[in-house]
C-alpha atoms as a PDB file:
ATOM      1  CA  MET A   1     -52.562  58.996  21.075  1.00  0.00           C
ATOM      2  CA  PHE A   2     -49.528  60.866  20.902  1.00  0.00           C
ATOM      3  CA  GLN A   3     -48.258  62.999  17.614  1.00  0.00           C
ATOM      4  CA  VAL A   4     -44.809  63.884  17.106  1.00  0.00           C
ATOM      5  CA  TYR A   5     -43.968  67.187  15.152  1.00  0.00           C
ATOM      6  CA  LEU A   6     -41.159  68.842  13.549  1.00  0.00           C
ATOM      7  CA  GLN A   7     -41.471  72.626  13.340  1.00  0.00           C
ATOM      8  CA  GLU A   8     -39.099  75.760  11.957  1.00  0.00           C
ATOM      9  CA  GLY A   9     -38.627  77.947  14.625  1.00  0.00           C
ATOM     10  CA  ASN A  10     -42.156  79.641  15.199  1.00  0.00           C
ATOM     11  CA  LYS A  11     -43.535  79.535  11.821  1.00  0.00           C
ATOM     12  CA  GLU A  12     -46.534  77.686  12.190  1.00  0.00           C
ATOM     13  CA  LEU A  13     -47.025  76.373   8.932  1.00  0.00           C
ATOM     14  CA  THR A  14     -43.463  74.708   8.752  1.00  0.00           C
ATOM     15  CA  LYS A  15     -45.609  72.065  10.838  1.00  0.00           C
ATOM     16  CA  THR A  16     -44.584  68.526   9.607  1.00  0.00           C
ATOM     17  CA  LEU A  17     -45.765  65.503  11.425  1.00  0.00           C
ATOM     18  CA  VAL A  18     -43.061  63.242  12.142  1.00  0.00           C
ATOM     19  CA  GLY A  19     -45.201  60.203  13.427  1.00  0.00           C
ATOM     20  CA  GLU A  20     -47.939  58.855  15.896  1.00  0.00           C
ATOM     21  CA  PHE A  21     -47.496  56.435  19.044  1.00  0.00           C
ATOM     22  CA  LYS A  22     -49.440  54.768  21.450  1.00  0.00           C
ATOM     23  CA  ASP A  23     -46.660  55.121  24.046  1.00  0.00           C
ATOM     24  CA  TYR A  24     -45.513  58.640  25.318  1.00  0.00           C
ATOM     25  CA  ASP A  25     -41.952  57.260  26.202  1.00  0.00           C
ATOM     26  CA  GLU A  26     -41.678  56.203  22.335  1.00  0.00           C
ATOM     27  CA  ALA A  27     -43.377  59.665  20.984  1.00  0.00           C
ATOM     28  CA  MET A  28     -40.091  61.512  23.541  1.00  0.00           C
ATOM     29  CA  ASP A  29     -37.546  59.433  22.170  1.00  0.00           C
ATOM     30  CA  LYS A  30     -38.523  60.188  18.759  1.00  0.00           C
ATOM     31  CA  ALA A  31     -38.737  63.806  18.912  1.00  0.00           C
ATOM     32  CA  GLU A  32     -35.306  63.853  20.553  1.00  0.00           C
ATOM     33  CA  GLU A  33     -34.030  62.276  17.566  1.00  0.00           C
ATOM     34  CA  VAL A  34     -35.513  64.296  14.753  1.00  0.00           C
ATOM     35  CA  ILE A  35     -34.537  67.670  16.486  1.00  0.00           C
ATOM     36  CA  GLU A  36     -30.893  66.299  17.519  1.00  0.00           C
ATOM     37  CA  GLY A  37     -28.288  67.975  15.423  1.00  0.00           C
ATOM     38  CA  LYS A  38     -30.956  70.697  14.396  1.00  0.00           C
ATOM     39  CA  THR A  39     -30.644  74.372  15.268  1.00  0.00           C
ATOM     40  CA  GLY A  40     -33.540  76.411  14.397  1.00  0.00           C
ATOM     41  CA  PHE A  41     -36.119  73.829  15.125  1.00  0.00           C
ATOM     42  CA  LYS A  42     -38.481  72.677  17.675  1.00  0.00           C
ATOM     43  CA  PHE A  43     -40.364  69.486  18.341  1.00  0.00           C
ATOM     44  CA  ILE A  44     -43.869  69.673  19.632  1.00  0.00           C
ATOM     45  CA  VAL A  45     -45.880  66.494  21.043  1.00  0.00           C
ATOM     46  CA  GLU A  46     -49.662  66.378  20.945  1.00  0.00           C
ATOM     47  CA  GLU A  47     -51.921  64.122  22.617  1.00  0.00           C
ATOM     48  CA  THR A  48     -55.366  63.131  20.933  1.00  0.00           C
ATOM     49  CA  ASN A  49     -58.245  61.548  22.686  1.00  0.00           C
ATOM     50  CA  GLY A  50     -59.878  60.920  19.312  1.00  0.00           C
ATOM     51  CA  CYS A  51     -62.747  63.543  20.140  1.00  0.00           C
ATOM     52  CA  PHE A  52     -63.549  66.478  17.406  1.00  0.00           C
ATOM     53  CA  ASN A  53     -64.365  69.815  17.670  1.00  0.00           C
ATOM     54  CA  SER A  54     -67.676  71.377  16.136  1.00  0.00           C
ATOM     55  CA  TYR A  55     -65.439  72.254  12.982  1.00  0.00           C
ATOM     56  CA  GLY A  56     -64.266  68.578  12.635  1.00  0.00           C
ATOM     57  CA  ASP A  57     -61.065  69.235  13.809  1.00  0.00           C
ATOM     58  CA  LEU A  58     -59.079  66.555  16.085  1.00  0.00           C
ATOM     59  CA  VAL A  59     -58.628  67.725  19.514  1.00  0.00           C
ATOM     60  CA  ALA A  60     -55.138  67.657  20.841  1.00  0.00           C
ATOM     61  CA  THR A  61     -53.327  68.889  23.830  1.00  0.00           C
ATOM     62  CA  VAL A  62     -49.812  70.076  23.898  1.00  0.00           C
ATOM     63  CA  VAL A  63     -47.634  67.620  26.336  1.00  0.00           C
ATOM     64  CA  ALA A  64     -44.147  68.420  25.222  1.00  0.00           C
ATOM     65  CA  GLU A  65     -42.039  71.060  23.024  1.00  0.00           C
ATOM     66  CA  GLY A  66     -38.285  71.346  22.749  1.00  0.00           C
ATOM     67  CA  GLU A  67     -35.999  73.247  20.917  1.00  0.00           C
ATOM     68  CA  GLY A  68     -32.527  72.027  18.878  1.00  0.00           C
END
């Protein structure tokens, strides 16, 4: 599962989930679509495998990032 986020610059608290996708290519298409025409924003694509850490948080790996 891939999750696409939109974030304002490097401000961690502005990270907003855009969508979840089963296919990497679909996730990247959506990420590029969301960032198009926006300056000062970046997209983050994370891959999850359904595992949780000891705190109950979903374990995710960043597989792509880009800026607009």
